[in-house]
Amino acid sequence: RYVAIGKCNHKIMCHLCSFRMRSIYKDMECCYCKQKMGAVVFTKNHQAVWGEFDCNKMIHLNKAAVYVEDEELHKELRALTSLLCQKCDG
């Protein structure tokens, strides 16, 4: 559904893999060109480029340096980092 876009504009990694790389492994590089990405945007628009986004109007996840476009994805990512089991607790 969502793709991760950084300054290099490579769109080969999904948002879940990018989020894992950035939040768990602290790997902030593009998986294709290895350019260091200070931040990435998770978007449904697979044709978008980095310069099209206004990150000031997006939801920012500080630890992973990720910007998301909508509250639905924000909730999904927060649930991934929760210590509660989504099946048992809720």
PDB file of N, CA and C in Angstrom:
ATOM      1  N   ARG A   1       0.808  -1.212   0.000  1.00  0.00           N
ATOM      2  CA  ARG A   1       0.000   0.000   0.000  1.00  0.00           C
ATOM      3  C   ARG A   1       0.842   1.264   0.000  1.00  0.00           C
ATOM      4  N   TYR A   2       1.769   1.352   0.927  1.00  0.00           N
ATOM      5  CA  TYR A   2       2.603   2.546   1.058  1.00  0.00           C
ATOM      6  C   TYR A   2       4.027   2.236   0.618  1.00  0.00           C
ATOM      7  N   VAL A   3       4.703   3.256   0.147  1.00  0.00           N
ATOM      8  CA  VAL A   3       6.093   3.130  -0.248  1.00  0.00           C
ATOM      9  C   VAL A   3       6.899   4.170   0.526  1.00  0.00           C
ATOM     10  N   ALA A   4       8.157   3.838   0.789  1.00  0.00           N
ATOM     11  CA  ALA A   4       9.056   4.770   1.475  1.00  0.00           C
ATOM     12  C   ALA A   4       9.838   5.565   0.426  1.00  0.00           C
ATOM     13  N   ILE A   5       9.843   6.892   0.576  1.00  0.00           N
ATOM     14  CA  ILE A   5      10.574   7.753  -0.347  1.00  0.00           C
ATOM     15  C   ILE A   5      11.508   8.651   0.453  1.00  0.00           C
ATOM     16  N   GLY A   6      12.773   8.651   0.063  1.00  0.00           N
ATOM     17  CA  GLY A   6      13.767   9.542   0.660  1.00  0.00           C
ATOM     18  C   GLY A   6      14.291  10.512  -0.379  1.00  0.00           C
ATOM     19  N   LYS A   7      15.338  11.241  -0.041  1.00  0.00           N
ATOM     20  CA  LYS A   7      15.883  12.257  -0.940  1.00  0.00           C
ATOM     21  C   LYS A   7      16.411  11.682  -2.250  1.00  0.00           C
ATOM     22  N   CYS A   8      16.804  10.413  -2.259  1.00  0.00           N
ATOM     23  CA  CYS A   8      17.316   9.801  -3.480  1.00  0.00           C
ATOM     24  C   CYS A   8      16.189   9.380  -4.428  1.00  0.00           C
ATOM     25  N   ASN A   9      14.948   9.375  -3.939  1.00  0.00           N
ATOM     26  CA  ASN A   9      13.741   9.053  -4.699  1.00  0.00           C
ATOM     27  C   ASN A   9      13.628   7.595  -5.141  1.00  0.00           C
ATOM     28  N   HIS A  10      14.410   6.696  -4.573  1.00  0.00           N
ATOM     29  CA  HIS A  10      14.210   5.278  -4.853  1.00  0.00           C
ATOM     30  C   HIS A  10      12.960   4.809  -4.113  1.00  0.00           C
ATOM     31  N   LYS A  11      12.125   4.052  -4.803  1.00  0.00           N
ATOM     32  CA  LYS A  11      10.839   3.619  -4.243  1.00  0.00           C
ATOM     33  C   LYS A  11      10.739   2.104  -4.278  1.00  0.00           C
ATOM     34  N   ILE A  12      11.775   1.426  -3.830  1.00  0.00           N
ATOM     35  CA  ILE A  12      11.781  -0.034  -3.939  1.00  0.00           C
ATOM     36  C   ILE A  12      11.464  -0.737  -2.622  1.00  0.00           C
ATOM     37  N   MET A  13      11.298   0.020  -1.541  1.00  0.00           N
ATOM     38  CA  MET A  13      11.036  -0.597  -0.243  1.00  0.00           C
ATOM     39  C   MET A  13       9.663  -0.183   0.275  1.00  0.00           C
ATOM     40  N   CYS A  14       8.922  -1.167   0.768  1.00  0.00           N
ATOM     41  CA  CYS A  14       7.618  -0.864   1.349  1.00  0.00           C
ATOM     42  C   CYS A  14       7.799  -0.159   2.699  1.00  0.00           C
ATOM     43  N   HIS A  15       6.723   0.415   3.170  1.00  0.00           N
ATOM     44  CA  HIS A  15       6.788   1.179   4.425  1.00  0.00           C
ATOM     45  C   HIS A  15       7.113   0.295   5.628  1.00  0.00           C
ATOM     46  N   LEU A  16       6.632  -0.944   5.634  1.00  0.00           N
ATOM     47  CA  LEU A  16       6.897  -1.813   6.789  1.00  0.00           C
ATOM     48  C   LEU A  16       8.373  -2.192   6.880  1.00  0.00           C
ATOM     49  N   CYS A  17       8.964  -2.562   5.769  1.00  0.00           N
ATOM     50  CA  CYS A  17      10.393  -2.916   5.782  1.00  0.00           C
ATOM     51  C   CYS A  17      11.251  -1.695   6.125  1.00  0.00           C
ATOM     52  N   SER A  18      10.895  -0.554   5.560  1.00  0.00           N
ATOM     53  CA  SER A  18      11.629   0.669   5.866  1.00  0.00           C
ATOM     54  C   SER A  18      11.514   1.021   7.346  1.00  0.00           C
ATOM     55  N   PHE A  19      10.308   0.903   7.891  1.00  0.00           N
ATOM     56  CA  PHE A  19      10.104   1.218   9.302  1.00  0.00           C
ATOM     57  C   PHE A  19      10.918   0.282  10.195  1.00  0.00           C
ATOM     58  N   ARG A  20      10.942  -1.000   9.861  1.00  0.00           N
ATOM     59  CA  ARG A  20      11.752  -1.956  10.629  1.00  0.00           C
ATOM     60  C   ARG A  20      13.231  -1.611  10.558  1.00  0.00           C
ATOM     61  N   MET A  21      13.714  -1.343   9.356  1.00  0.00           N
ATOM     62  CA  MET A  21      15.130  -1.000   9.182  1.00  0.00           C
ATOM     63  C   MET A  21      15.496   0.231  10.014  1.00  0.00           C
ATOM     64  N   ARG A  22      14.651   1.236   9.974  1.00  0.00           N
ATOM     65  CA  ARG A  22      14.950   2.492  10.640  1.00  0.00           C
ATOM     66  C   ARG A  22      14.757   2.415  12.154  1.00  0.00           C
ATOM     67  N   SER A  23      13.693   1.771  12.620  1.00  0.00           N
ATOM     68  CA  SER A  23      13.388   1.782  14.050  1.00  0.00           C
ATOM     69  C   SER A  23      14.072   0.661  14.831  1.00  0.00           C
ATOM     70  N   ILE A  24      14.212  -0.509  14.243  1.00  0.00           N
ATOM     71  CA  ILE A  24      14.824  -1.629  14.968  1.00  0.00           C
ATOM     72  C   ILE A  24      16.331  -1.679  14.756  1.00  0.00           C
ATOM     73  N   TYR A  25      16.752  -1.623  13.490  1.00  0.00           N
ATOM     74  CA  TYR A  25      18.176  -1.777  13.170  1.00  0.00           C
ATOM     75  C   TYR A  25      18.935  -0.460  13.110  1.00  0.00           C
ATOM     76  N   LYS A  26      18.217   0.650  13.219  1.00  0.00           N
ATOM     77  CA  LYS A  26      18.820   1.991  13.161  1.00  0.00           C
ATOM     78  C   LYS A  26      19.584   2.205  11.852  1.00  0.00           C
ATOM     79  N   ASP A  27      19.128   1.559  10.802  1.00  0.00           N
ATOM     80  CA  ASP A  27      19.723   1.677   9.470  1.00  0.00           C
ATOM     81  C   ASP A  27      18.975   2.760   8.708  1.00  0.00           C
ATOM     82  N   MET A  28      19.608   3.904   8.540  1.00  0.00           N
ATOM     83  CA  MET A  28      18.975   5.058   7.924  1.00  0.00           C
ATOM     84  C   MET A  28      19.400   5.254   6.473  1.00  0.00           C
ATOM     85  N   GLU A  29      19.887   4.195   5.830  1.00  0.00           N
ATOM     86  CA  GLU A  29      20.339   4.287   4.442  1.00  0.00           C
ATOM     87  C   GLU A  29      19.280   3.765   3.487  1.00  0.00           C
ATOM     88  N   CYS A  30      19.316   4.259   2.253  1.00  0.00           N
ATOM     89  CA  CYS A  30      18.495   3.698   1.192  1.00  0.00           C
ATOM     90  C   CYS A  30      19.012   2.282   0.934  1.00  0.00           C
ATOM     91  N   CYS A  31      18.115   1.327   0.830  1.00  0.00           N
ATOM     92  CA  CYS A  31      18.540  -0.055   0.636  1.00  0.00           C
ATOM     93  C   CYS A  31      19.091  -0.292  -0.764  1.00  0.00           C
ATOM     94  N   TYR A  32      18.865   0.630  -1.679  1.00  0.00           N
ATOM     95  CA  TYR A  32      19.339   0.476  -3.055  1.00  0.00           C
ATOM     96  C   TYR A  32      20.676   1.172  -3.287  1.00  0.00           C
ATOM     97  N   CYS A  33      20.731   2.473  -3.000  1.00  0.00           N
ATOM     98  CA  CYS A  33      21.952   3.237  -3.304  1.00  0.00           C
ATOM     99  C   CYS A  33      22.828   3.483  -2.080  1.00  0.00           C
ATOM    100  N   LYS A  34      22.338   3.133  -0.890  1.00  0.00           N
ATOM    101  CA  LYS A  34      23.067   3.278   0.376  1.00  0.00           C
ATOM    102  C   LYS A  34      23.289   4.724   0.797  1.00  0.00           C
ATOM    103  N   GLN A  35      22.578   5.665   0.168  1.00  0.00           N
ATOM    104  CA  GLN A  35      22.673   7.060   0.582  1.00  0.00           C
ATOM    105  C   GLN A  35      22.029   7.212   1.952  1.00  0.00           C
ATOM    106  N   LYS A  36      22.650   7.969   2.828  1.00  0.00           N
ATOM    107  CA  LYS A  36      22.109   8.240   4.156  1.00  0.00           C
ATOM    108  C   LYS A  36      20.845   9.079   4.024  1.00  0.00           C
ATOM    109  N   MET A  37      19.756   8.608   4.631  1.00  0.00           N
ATOM    110  CA  MET A  37      18.478   9.309   4.574  1.00  0.00           C
ATOM    111  C   MET A  37      18.163   9.876   5.951  1.00  0.00           C
ATOM    112  N   GLY A  38      18.213  11.192   6.078  1.00  0.00           N
ATOM    113  CA  GLY A  38      17.866  11.812   7.344  1.00  0.00           C
ATOM    114  C   GLY A  38      16.428  11.541   7.720  1.00  0.00           C
ATOM    115  N   ALA A  39      15.555  11.492   6.722  1.00  0.00           N
ATOM    116  CA  ALA A  39      14.134  11.221   6.937  1.00  0.00           C
ATOM    117  C   ALA A  39      13.570  10.599   5.668  1.00  0.00           C
ATOM    118  N   VAL A  40      12.453   9.920   5.828  1.00  0.00           N
ATOM    119  CA  VAL A  40      11.721   9.375   4.682  1.00  0.00           C
ATOM    120  C   VAL A  40      10.240   9.682   4.855  1.00  0.00           C
ATOM    121  N   VAL A  41       9.522   9.621   3.749  1.00  0.00           N
ATOM    122  CA  VAL A  41       8.074   9.811   3.741  1.00  0.00           C
ATOM    123  C   VAL A  41       7.435   8.496   3.334  1.00  0.00           C
ATOM    124  N   PHE A  42       6.387   8.102   4.031  1.00  0.00           N
ATOM    125  CA  PHE A  42       5.591   6.945   3.653  1.00  0.00           C
ATOM    126  C   PHE A  42       4.337   7.469   2.962  1.00  0.00           C
ATOM    127  N   THR A  43       4.137   7.060   1.713  1.00  0.00           N
ATOM    128  CA  THR A  43       3.035   7.582   0.915  1.00  0.00           C
ATOM    129  C   THR A  43       2.379   6.487   0.083  1.00  0.00           C
ATOM    130  N   LYS A  44       1.121   6.691  -0.261  1.00  0.00           N
ATOM    131  CA  LYS A  44       0.408   5.799  -1.173  1.00  0.00           C
ATOM    132  C   LYS A  44       0.713   6.138  -2.628  1.00  0.00           C
ATOM    133  N   ASN A  45       1.242   7.328  -2.858  1.00  0.00           N
ATOM    134  CA  ASN A  45       1.535   7.798  -4.206  1.00  0.00           C
ATOM    135  C   ASN A  45       2.896   7.263  -4.659  1.00  0.00           C
ATOM    136  N   HIS A  46       2.890   6.202  -5.417  1.00  0.00           N
ATOM    137  CA  HIS A  46       4.130   5.552  -5.847  1.00  0.00           C
ATOM    138  C   HIS A  46       4.862   6.340  -6.932  1.00  0.00           C
ATOM    139  N   GLN A  47       4.251   7.383  -7.470  1.00  0.00           N
ATOM    140  CA  GLN A  47       4.908   8.214  -8.481  1.00  0.00           C
ATOM    141  C   GLN A  47       5.472   9.514  -7.889  1.00  0.00           C
ATOM    142  N   ALA A  48       5.250   9.751  -6.626  1.00  0.00           N
ATOM    143  CA  ALA A  48       5.694  11.000  -5.985  1.00  0.00           C
ATOM    144  C   ALA A  48       7.218  11.047  -5.892  1.00  0.00           C
ATOM    145  N   VAL A  49       7.734  12.256  -5.758  1.00  0.00           N
ATOM    146  CA  VAL A  49       9.170  12.459  -5.516  1.00  0.00           C
ATOM    147  C   VAL A  49       9.325  13.267  -4.235  1.00  0.00           C
ATOM    148  N   TRP A  50      10.504  13.184  -3.654  1.00  0.00           N
ATOM    149  CA  TRP A  50      10.773  13.773  -2.346  1.00  0.00           C
ATOM    150  C   TRP A  50      10.358  15.238  -2.258  1.00  0.00           C
ATOM    151  N   GLY A  51      10.691  16.043  -3.227  1.00  0.00           N
ATOM    152  CA  GLY A  51      10.437  17.484  -3.178  1.00  0.00           C
ATOM    153  C   GLY A  51       8.969  17.883  -3.190  1.00  0.00           C
ATOM    154  N   GLU A  52       8.066  16.949  -3.471  1.00  0.00           N
ATOM    155  CA  GLU A  52       6.635  17.257  -3.532  1.00  0.00           C
ATOM    156  C   GLU A  52       5.969  17.322  -2.158  1.00  0.00           C
ATOM    157  N   PHE A  53       6.632  16.855  -1.137  1.00  0.00           N
ATOM    158  CA  PHE A  53       6.008  16.733   0.179  1.00  0.00           C
ATOM    159  C   PHE A  53       6.294  17.950   1.056  1.00  0.00           C
ATOM    160  N   ASP A  54       5.281  18.376   1.801  1.00  0.00           N
ATOM    161  CA  ASP A  54       5.453  19.404   2.815  1.00  0.00           C
ATOM    162  C   ASP A  54       5.454  18.691   4.172  1.00  0.00           C
ATOM    163  N   CYS A  55       6.639  18.354   4.632  1.00  0.00           N
ATOM    164  CA  CYS A  55       6.763  17.567   5.863  1.00  0.00           C
ATOM    165  C   CYS A  55       6.219  18.290   7.084  1.00  0.00           C
ATOM    166  N   ASN A  56       6.128  19.617   7.040  1.00  0.00           N
ATOM    167  CA  ASN A  56       5.565  20.378   8.157  1.00  0.00           C
ATOM    168  C   ASN A  56       4.082  20.091   8.352  1.00  0.00           C
ATOM    169  N   LYS A  57       3.413  19.577   7.319  1.00  0.00           N
ATOM    170  CA  LYS A  57       1.989  19.264   7.400  1.00  0.00           C
ATOM    171  C   LYS A  57       1.734  17.771   7.599  1.00  0.00           C
ATOM    172  N   MET A  58       2.788  17.011   7.837  1.00  0.00           N
ATOM    173  CA  MET A  58       2.661  15.564   7.980  1.00  0.00           C
ATOM    174  C   MET A  58       2.917  15.147   9.422  1.00  0.00           C
ATOM    175  N   ILE A  59       2.532  13.922   9.739  1.00  0.00           N
ATOM    176  CA  ILE A  59       2.769  13.373  11.071  1.00  0.00           C
ATOM    177  C   ILE A  59       4.197  12.841  11.117  1.00  0.00           C
ATOM    178  N   HIS A  60       4.947  13.241  12.140  1.00  0.00           N
ATOM    179  CA  HIS A  60       6.354  12.873  12.257  1.00  0.00           C
ATOM    180  C   HIS A  60       6.557  11.841  13.363  1.00  0.00           C
ATOM    181  N   LEU A  61       7.224  10.751  13.027  1.00  0.00           N
ATOM    182  CA  LEU A  61       7.610   9.742  14.013  1.00  0.00           C
ATOM    183  C   LEU A  61       9.095   9.942  14.280  1.00  0.00           C
ATOM    184  N   ASN A  62       9.413  10.552  15.409  1.00  0.00           N
ATOM    185  CA  ASN A  62      10.769  10.996  15.695  1.00  0.00           C
ATOM    186  C   ASN A  62      11.821   9.906  15.682  1.00  0.00           C
ATOM    187  N   LYS A  63      11.583   8.810  16.374  1.00  0.00           N
ATOM    188  CA  LYS A  63      12.627   7.786  16.528  1.00  0.00           C
ATOM    189  C   LYS A  63      13.090   7.218  15.195  1.00  0.00           C
ATOM    190  N   ALA A  64      12.177   7.053  14.262  1.00  0.00           N
ATOM    191  CA  ALA A  64      12.530   6.471  12.965  1.00  0.00           C
ATOM    192  C   ALA A  64      12.754   7.537  11.894  1.00  0.00           C
ATOM    193  N   ALA A  65      12.563   8.800  12.238  1.00  0.00           N
ATOM    194  CA  ALA A  65      12.681   9.902  11.278  1.00  0.00           C
ATOM    195  C   ALA A  65      11.808   9.636  10.056  1.00  0.00           C
ATOM    196  N   VAL A  66      10.535   9.378  10.315  1.00  0.00           N
ATOM    197  CA  VAL A  66       9.561   9.054   9.280  1.00  0.00           C
ATOM    198  C   VAL A  66       8.430  10.071   9.317  1.00  0.00           C
ATOM    199  N   TYR A  67       7.986  10.482   8.136  1.00  0.00           N
ATOM    200  CA  TYR A  67       6.817  11.329   7.992  1.00  0.00           C
ATOM    201  C   TYR A  67       5.723  10.514   7.313  1.00  0.00           C
ATOM    202  N   VAL A  68       4.505  10.598   7.829  1.00  0.00           N
ATOM    203  CA  VAL A  68       3.381   9.871   7.236  1.00  0.00           C
ATOM    204  C   VAL A  68       2.281  10.847   6.854  1.00  0.00           C
ATOM    205  N   GLU A  69       1.519  10.463   5.834  1.00  0.00           N
ATOM    206  CA  GLU A  69       0.494  11.349   5.297  1.00  0.00           C
ATOM    207  C   GLU A  69      -0.831  11.294   6.044  1.00  0.00           C
ATOM    208  N   ASP A  70      -1.146  10.152   6.659  1.00  0.00           N
ATOM    209  CA  ASP A  70      -2.482  10.036   7.233  1.00  0.00           C
ATOM    210  C   ASP A  70      -2.473   9.348   8.594  1.00  0.00           C
ATOM    211  N   GLU A  71      -3.550   9.584   9.313  1.00  0.00           N
ATOM    212  CA  GLU A  71      -3.688   9.055  10.676  1.00  0.00           C
ATOM    213  C   GLU A  71      -3.808   7.531  10.681  1.00  0.00           C
ATOM    214  N   GLU A  72      -4.393   6.949   9.652  1.00  0.00           N
ATOM    215  CA  GLU A  72      -4.529   5.492   9.560  1.00  0.00           C
ATOM    216  C   GLU A  72      -3.163   4.811   9.615  1.00  0.00           C
ATOM    217  N   LEU A  73      -2.238   5.291   8.823  1.00  0.00           N
ATOM    218  CA  LEU A  73      -0.893   4.709   8.828  1.00  0.00           C
ATOM    219  C   LEU A  73      -0.174   5.005  10.139  1.00  0.00           C
ATOM    220  N   HIS A  74      -0.366   6.188  10.673  1.00  0.00           N
ATOM    221  CA  HIS A  74       0.245   6.549  11.942  1.00  0.00           C
ATOM    222  C   HIS A  74      -0.167   5.565  13.035  1.00  0.00           C
ATOM    223  N   LYS A  75      -1.459   5.242  13.107  1.00  0.00           N
ATOM    224  CA  LYS A  75      -1.952   4.273  14.093  1.00  0.00           C
ATOM    225  C   LYS A  75      -1.347   2.896  13.862  1.00  0.00           C
ATOM    226  N   GLU A  76      -1.245   2.483  12.603  1.00  0.00           N
ATOM    227  CA  GLU A  76      -0.659   1.180  12.266  1.00  0.00           C
ATOM    228  C   GLU A  76       0.793   1.092  12.745  1.00  0.00           C
ATOM    229  N   LEU A  77       1.567   2.128  12.509  1.00  0.00           N
ATOM    230  CA  LEU A  77       2.977   2.132  12.919  1.00  0.00           C
ATOM    231  C   LEU A  77       3.123   2.203  14.431  1.00  0.00           C
ATOM    232  N   ARG A  78       2.263   2.958  15.083  1.00  0.00           N
ATOM    233  CA  ARG A  78       2.295   3.018  16.553  1.00  0.00           C
ATOM    234  C   ARG A  78       1.969   1.653  17.146  1.00  0.00           C
ATOM    235  N   ALA A  79       1.044   0.929  16.532  1.00  0.00           N
ATOM    236  CA  ALA A  79       0.688  -0.409  17.009  1.00  0.00           C
ATOM    237  C   ALA A  79       1.873  -1.370  16.880  1.00  0.00           C
ATOM    238  N   LEU A  80       2.671  -1.198  15.843  1.00  0.00           N
ATOM    239  CA  LEU A  80       3.850  -2.053  15.665  1.00  0.00           C
ATOM    240  C   LEU A  80       4.867  -1.858  16.781  1.00  0.00           C
ATOM    241  N   THR A  81       4.920  -0.671  17.346  1.00  0.00           N
ATOM    242  CA  THR A  81       5.892  -0.387  18.401  1.00  0.00           C
ATOM    243  C   THR A  81       5.303  -0.540  19.798  1.00  0.00           C
ATOM    244  N   SER A  82       4.034  -0.894  19.867  1.00  0.00           N
ATOM    245  CA  SER A  82       3.361  -1.061  21.147  1.00  0.00           C
ATOM    246  C   SER A  82       3.833  -2.327  21.851  1.00  0.00           C
ATOM    247  N   LEU A  83       3.798  -2.304  23.156  1.00  0.00           N
ATOM    248  CA  LEU A  83       4.156  -3.484  23.938  1.00  0.00           C
ATOM    249  C   LEU A  83       2.947  -4.378  24.185  1.00  0.00           C
ATOM    250  N   LEU A  84       1.795  -3.986  23.662  1.00  0.00           N
ATOM    251  CA  LEU A  84       0.571  -4.770  23.825  1.00  0.00           C
ATOM    252  C   LEU A  84       0.337  -5.661  22.621  1.00  0.00           C
ATOM    253  N   CYS A  85      -0.166  -6.841  22.859  1.00  0.00           N
ATOM    254  CA  CYS A  85      -0.527  -7.755  21.779  1.00  0.00           C
ATOM    255  C   CYS A  85      -1.835  -7.266  21.155  1.00  0.00           C
ATOM    256  N   GLN A  86      -1.829  -7.075  19.848  1.00  0.00           N
ATOM    257  CA  GLN A  86      -3.013  -6.570  19.161  1.00  0.00           C
ATOM    258  C   GLN A  86      -4.154  -7.582  19.153  1.00  0.00           C
ATOM    259  N   LYS A  87      -3.836  -8.860  19.264  1.00  0.00           N
ATOM    260  CA  LYS A  87      -4.875  -9.898  19.284  1.00  0.00           C
ATOM    261  C   LYS A  87      -5.459 -10.069  20.681  1.00  0.00           C
ATOM    262  N   CYS A  88      -4.602 -10.129  21.678  1.00  0.00           N
ATOM    263  CA  CYS A  88      -5.058 -10.401  23.053  1.00  0.00           C
ATOM    264  C   CYS A  88      -5.569  -9.141  23.754  1.00  0.00           C
ATOM    265  N   ASP A  89      -4.885  -8.026  23.550  1.00  0.00           N
ATOM    266  CA  ASP A  89      -5.197  -6.805  24.286  1.00  0.00           C
ATOM    267  C   ASP A  89      -6.035  -5.822  23.483  1.00  0.00           C
ATOM    268  N   GLY A  90      -6.309  -6.186  22.272  1.00  0.00           N
ATOM    269  CA  GLY A  90      -7.057  -5.307  21.646  1.00  0.00           C
ATOM    270  C   GLY A  90      -7.538  -4.768  20.513  1.00  0.00           C
TER     271      GLY A  90
END
